[in-house]
Amino acid sequence: MKKYLILLALTTFVLNELFAINTYFKGDTLVVWAEGGLSIRDTNSISGHRIDVIPYGEKVIVKSMKVFKYNEEKIKLTTAFQEGEVEYLGLSLNGRWVKVIYGEIEGFVFDGYLSKYSAPLLRENGYSESLQEYILREFGLLSQKDASGSGGDNVVREKYYGRGVSFFNLGTKTAYVRYILPGFSQEEIVLFIKNSRMTNRNGAPRLYENKFIKDENIRILKFIYDEDGDGQITIRILSGMVIVESEASC
């Protein structure tokens, strides 16, 4: 009986991780999310000789399997910086070196820059499309509901997309927005935030809190937000799911 319980627990864990970039299998096609291109090297190390650079949005075919997150490395994505009296934190990407095929080239890349989803579109200003635009394009709108209270206050909008993605907006004097993204990983949402205007200041996200709650197995990231108003973005990263919440003054 114990053997079957272990198997059930293992199966549940794998299913929970299945849609995240933490998991891929030999022969899968993944997309490069490194906005400056992704180096492909001759060995599984950052010190390996760079064979070529794979452009942003290009696809690679992986030659190995990754099911569990172990023996991962960290690559610095942004550095800490000061703005007035506020000191913002740097960001790192977790990942492993994986052997891939790109065209006729075979080598190793850092999988923290890979995704199973198409890369966000980059605008002329160098920033990516908004999260709402990306979700609509990538997952497709299935249904939506709009409601408002007396006098037009407390406008509520709900949208439901493919792959279980959802959007909730409560519009009052302070607008609250929530995205639930099943299947997103920490690396994917961090890269999206880094390449967007939402929290950006000269190419660096304004991250002011980064903590891990061990008992709940949740990573929480908090950013200053000023794309369409002043506020903050809170990102909660669970196993195989990302929740993005923003509050901005209207």
Protein backbone atom coordinates (compact mmCIF):
# COMPACT_ATOMS: atom_id res chain seq x y z
CA MET A 1 0.00 0.00 0.00
CA LYS A 2 2.86 2.35 0.89
CA LYS A 3 4.38 1.74 -2.53
CA TYR A 4 1.17 2.88 -4.28
CA LEU A 5 0.89 5.98 -2.07
CA ILE A 6 4.44 6.98 -3.02
CA LEU A 7 3.64 6.42 -6.68
CA LEU A 8 0.46 8.51 -6.38
CA ALA A 9 2.33 11.33 -4.68
CA LEU A 10 5.04 11.25 -7.33
CA THR A 11 2.45 11.25 -10.12
CA THR A 12 0.63 14.20 -8.55
CA PHE A 13 3.88 16.15 -8.26
CA VAL A 14 4.79 15.50 -11.88
CA LEU A 15 1.33 16.53 -13.07
CA ASN A 16 1.52 19.74 -11.06
CA GLU A 17 4.87 20.56 -12.66
CA LEU A 18 4.01 19.29 -16.14
CA PHE A 19 3.03 22.61 -17.70
CA ALA A 20 5.93 24.60 -16.27
CA ILE A 21 9.25 25.15 -18.00
CA ASN A 22 10.67 23.20 -15.06
CA THR A 23 9.58 20.19 -17.11
CA TYR A 24 10.42 19.22 -20.66
CA PHE A 25 11.19 16.04 -22.54
CA LYS A 26 13.59 14.95 -25.25
CA GLY A 27 12.30 16.18 -28.60
CA ASP A 28 10.26 19.08 -27.17
CA THR A 29 10.40 22.41 -28.97
CA LEU A 30 11.08 25.42 -26.75
CA VAL A 31 11.29 29.15 -27.47
CA VAL A 32 14.09 31.59 -26.59
CA TRP A 33 12.99 34.44 -24.29
CA ALA A 34 16.39 36.15 -23.94
CA GLU A 35 15.80 39.59 -25.49
CA GLY A 36 19.45 39.96 -26.52
CA GLY A 37 19.66 36.42 -27.86
CA LEU A 38 20.74 33.21 -26.13
CA SER A 39 24.32 31.91 -26.34
CA ILE A 40 24.72 28.31 -27.43
CA ARG A 41 27.99 26.82 -26.12
CA ASP A 42 30.11 23.76 -26.73
CA THR A 43 29.90 22.59 -23.09
CA ASN A 44 27.32 22.73 -20.32
CA SER A 45 28.89 25.71 -18.61
CA ILE A 46 28.88 29.48 -18.88
CA SER A 47 32.64 29.23 -19.41
CA GLY A 48 32.13 27.06 -22.50
CA HIS A 49 33.04 28.42 -25.93
CA ARG A 50 30.17 30.32 -27.53
CA ILE A 51 29.31 28.69 -30.84
CA ASP A 52 26.56 31.11 -31.84
CA VAL A 53 23.74 33.31 -30.49
CA ILE A 54 20.14 32.17 -30.95
CA PRO A 55 17.90 35.21 -31.61
CA TYR A 56 14.95 36.13 -29.39
CA GLY A 57 11.80 34.21 -30.33
CA GLU A 58 13.61 31.43 -32.18
CA LYS A 59 12.90 27.76 -31.44
CA VAL A 60 15.21 24.98 -30.31
CA ILE A 61 14.72 21.24 -29.94
CA VAL A 62 15.88 19.79 -26.61
CA LYS A 63 17.86 16.56 -26.52
CA SER A 64 17.30 15.62 -22.89
CA MET A 65 14.58 15.43 -20.24
CA LYS A 66 13.96 17.62 -17.20
CA VAL A 67 11.22 16.68 -14.76
CA PHE A 68 12.49 17.84 -11.37
CA LYS A 69 14.29 21.00 -10.30
CA TYR A 70 17.65 19.88 -8.91
CA ASN A 71 21.30 20.75 -9.43
CA GLU A 72 20.24 24.13 -10.75
CA GLU A 73 22.52 27.12 -11.23
CA LYS A 74 21.77 30.83 -10.93
CA ILE A 75 22.57 33.40 -13.61
CA LYS A 76 22.38 37.07 -12.69
CA LEU A 77 19.64 38.80 -14.68
CA THR A 78 19.70 42.31 -13.16
CA THR A 79 21.76 44.00 -10.46
CA ALA A 80 20.58 45.95 -7.42
CA PHE A 81 20.35 49.72 -7.82
CA GLN A 82 19.50 52.83 -5.84
CA GLU A 83 16.75 55.32 -6.72
CA GLY A 84 16.56 58.18 -4.28
CA GLU A 85 16.37 56.63 -0.83
CA VAL A 86 15.00 53.34 -2.13
CA GLU A 87 17.32 50.41 -2.85
CA TYR A 88 15.95 47.87 -5.32
CA LEU A 89 16.98 44.23 -5.43
CA GLY A 90 18.63 42.35 -8.26
CA LEU A 91 17.15 39.29 -9.96
CA SER A 92 18.61 35.93 -10.91
CA LEU A 93 17.37 33.14 -13.15
CA ASN A 94 17.43 29.53 -12.00
CA GLY A 95 18.10 26.78 -14.50
CA ARG A 96 20.30 24.07 -15.93
CA TRP A 97 22.37 23.64 -19.06
CA VAL A 98 20.55 21.57 -21.65
CA LYS A 99 21.71 20.18 -24.97
CA VAL A 100 19.66 21.51 -27.89
CA ILE A 101 19.57 21.62 -31.67
CA TYR A 102 19.14 24.95 -33.41
CA GLY A 103 19.02 24.54 -37.18
CA GLU A 104 22.15 22.52 -37.89
CA ILE A 105 23.91 23.65 -34.71
CA GLU A 106 24.09 21.42 -31.65
CA GLY A 107 25.22 22.72 -28.28
CA PHE A 108 24.24 23.73 -24.77
CA VAL A 109 22.02 26.62 -23.59
CA PHE A 110 20.82 27.79 -20.19
CA ASP A 111 17.19 26.66 -19.89
CA GLY A 112 16.14 29.55 -17.64
CA TYR A 113 15.73 31.54 -20.88
CA LEU A 114 13.54 28.91 -22.56
CA SER A 115 9.74 28.64 -22.61
CA LYS A 116 7.13 26.40 -24.17
CA TYR A 117 5.13 29.53 -25.03
CA SER A 118 5.81 31.96 -27.85
CA ALA A 119 7.99 34.94 -26.90
CA PRO A 120 6.22 38.22 -26.03
CA LEU A 121 6.24 40.64 -28.95
CA LEU A 122 8.81 43.41 -28.65
CA ARG A 123 7.67 46.95 -29.49
CA GLU A 124 9.69 49.67 -31.20
CA ASN A 125 10.55 51.14 -27.80
CA GLY A 126 12.27 47.85 -26.91
CA TYR A 127 9.70 46.77 -24.33
CA SER A 128 7.39 43.81 -24.71
CA GLU A 129 3.65 43.85 -25.24
CA SER A 130 1.49 44.09 -22.12
CA LEU A 131 0.65 41.00 -20.13
CA GLN A 132 -3.04 41.30 -21.11
CA GLU A 133 -2.13 41.56 -24.82
CA TYR A 134 0.15 38.56 -24.53
CA ILE A 135 -2.42 36.41 -22.75
CA LEU A 136 -5.09 37.21 -25.36
CA ARG A 137 -2.74 36.39 -28.23
CA GLU A 138 -1.23 33.26 -26.71
CA PHE A 139 -4.24 31.63 -25.04
CA GLY A 140 -7.33 33.13 -26.70
CA LEU A 141 -10.38 34.58 -24.94
CA LEU A 142 -13.06 32.01 -24.10
CA SER A 143 -15.58 34.14 -22.18
CA GLN A 144 -15.96 37.32 -20.16
CA LYS A 145 -18.33 38.95 -17.68
CA ASP A 146 -18.76 42.63 -16.80
CA ALA A 147 -20.75 44.06 -13.91
CA SER A 148 -20.98 47.38 -12.09
CA GLY A 149 -22.46 48.66 -8.87
CA SER A 150 -24.76 51.62 -8.36
CA GLY A 151 -23.55 54.78 -10.05
CA GLY A 152 -21.03 52.82 -12.05
CA ASP A 153 -18.74 52.25 -9.06
CA ASN A 154 -16.98 48.98 -8.33
CA VAL A 155 -16.79 47.85 -11.93
CA VAL A 156 -15.95 44.15 -12.05
CA ARG A 157 -14.52 42.44 -15.10
CA GLU A 158 -13.72 38.76 -15.43
CA LYS A 159 -12.09 37.12 -18.44
CA TYR A 160 -11.32 33.47 -19.02
CA TYR A 161 -8.73 32.21 -21.48
CA GLY A 162 -7.39 28.90 -22.70
CA ARG A 163 -5.17 26.71 -20.47
CA GLY A 164 -7.08 27.89 -17.38
CA VAL A 165 -5.70 31.45 -17.50
CA SER A 166 -8.00 34.06 -15.93
CA PHE A 167 -8.22 37.82 -15.40
CA PHE A 168 -10.09 39.74 -12.70
CA ASN A 169 -10.40 43.53 -12.47
CA LEU A 170 -12.08 45.55 -9.73
CA GLY A 171 -12.19 49.21 -10.73
CA THR A 172 -12.66 51.73 -7.93
CA LYS A 173 -10.54 54.68 -6.82
CA THR A 174 -7.82 52.09 -6.53
CA ALA A 175 -7.83 49.59 -9.39
CA TYR A 176 -7.12 45.98 -8.50
CA VAL A 177 -6.12 43.48 -11.20
CA ARG A 178 -5.36 39.79 -10.80
CA TYR A 179 -4.06 37.28 -13.34
CA ILE A 180 -3.96 33.57 -12.60
CA LEU A 181 -1.48 31.78 -14.87
CA PRO A 182 -1.48 28.00 -14.47
CA GLY A 183 1.60 26.56 -16.13
CA PHE A 184 3.81 29.62 -15.81
CA SER A 185 7.14 29.29 -14.07
CA GLN A 186 9.15 31.73 -11.99
CA GLU A 187 11.62 32.18 -14.86
CA GLU A 188 8.92 33.00 -17.42
CA ILE A 189 7.17 35.64 -15.32
CA VAL A 190 10.47 37.19 -14.21
CA LEU A 191 11.61 37.51 -17.84
CA PHE A 192 8.25 38.99 -18.80
CA ILE A 193 8.44 41.59 -16.03
CA LYS A 194 12.06 42.37 -16.86
CA ASN A 195 11.27 43.03 -20.54
CA SER A 196 8.06 45.01 -19.92
CA ARG A 197 7.34 48.63 -18.99
CA MET A 198 5.29 47.61 -15.97
CA THR A 199 7.99 47.97 -13.35
CA ASN A 200 10.92 48.99 -15.49
CA ARG A 201 13.44 51.72 -14.78
CA ASN A 202 16.19 51.89 -17.43
CA GLY A 203 16.12 48.15 -18.05
CA ALA A 204 15.94 47.07 -14.42
CA PRO A 205 12.74 45.98 -12.64
CA ARG A 206 12.06 47.85 -9.41
CA LEU A 207 11.95 44.84 -7.15
CA TYR A 208 11.79 45.76 -3.48
CA GLU A 209 10.87 42.46 -1.83
CA ASN A 210 11.84 38.86 -2.59
CA LYS A 211 10.95 36.21 -0.03
CA PHE A 212 10.26 32.49 0.12
CA ILE A 213 7.69 31.08 2.54
CA LYS A 214 9.00 27.58 3.15
CA ASP A 215 5.94 26.19 4.96
CA GLU A 216 3.68 27.18 2.04
CA ASN A 217 6.28 26.63 -0.70
CA ILE A 218 5.52 30.06 -2.18
CA ARG A 219 7.92 32.63 -3.63
CA ILE A 220 6.68 36.24 -3.34
CA LEU A 221 8.10 39.09 -5.43
CA LYS A 222 6.96 42.71 -5.03
CA PHE A 223 7.65 45.45 -7.58
CA ILE A 224 6.87 49.16 -7.91
CA TYR A 225 4.41 49.67 -10.77
CA ASP A 226 3.85 52.82 -12.81
CA GLU A 227 2.84 51.89 -16.37
CA ASP A 228 -0.67 53.38 -16.15
CA GLY A 229 -0.65 54.70 -12.58
CA ASP A 230 1.27 54.44 -9.35
CA GLY A 231 1.12 51.23 -7.39
CA GLN A 232 2.69 47.85 -6.88
CA ILE A 233 2.75 44.40 -8.43
CA THR A 234 2.83 41.31 -6.24
CA ILE A 235 3.76 38.00 -7.83
CA ARG A 236 3.11 34.73 -6.02
CA ILE A 237 4.86 31.72 -7.50
CA LEU A 238 3.55 28.31 -6.53
CA SER A 239 4.25 24.87 -7.95
CA GLY A 240 3.17 25.10 -11.58
CA MET A 241 1.21 28.36 -11.16
CA VAL A 242 1.84 32.11 -11.04
CA ILE A 243 -0.55 34.71 -9.59
CA VAL A 244 0.05 38.34 -10.59
CA GLU A 245 -1.76 41.07 -8.61
CA SER A 246 -1.49 44.79 -9.22
CA GLU A 247 -2.95 47.75 -7.34
CA ALA A 248 -2.69 51.19 -8.88
CA SER A 249 -4.18 54.58 -8.04
CA CYS A 250 -6.55 55.83 -10.74
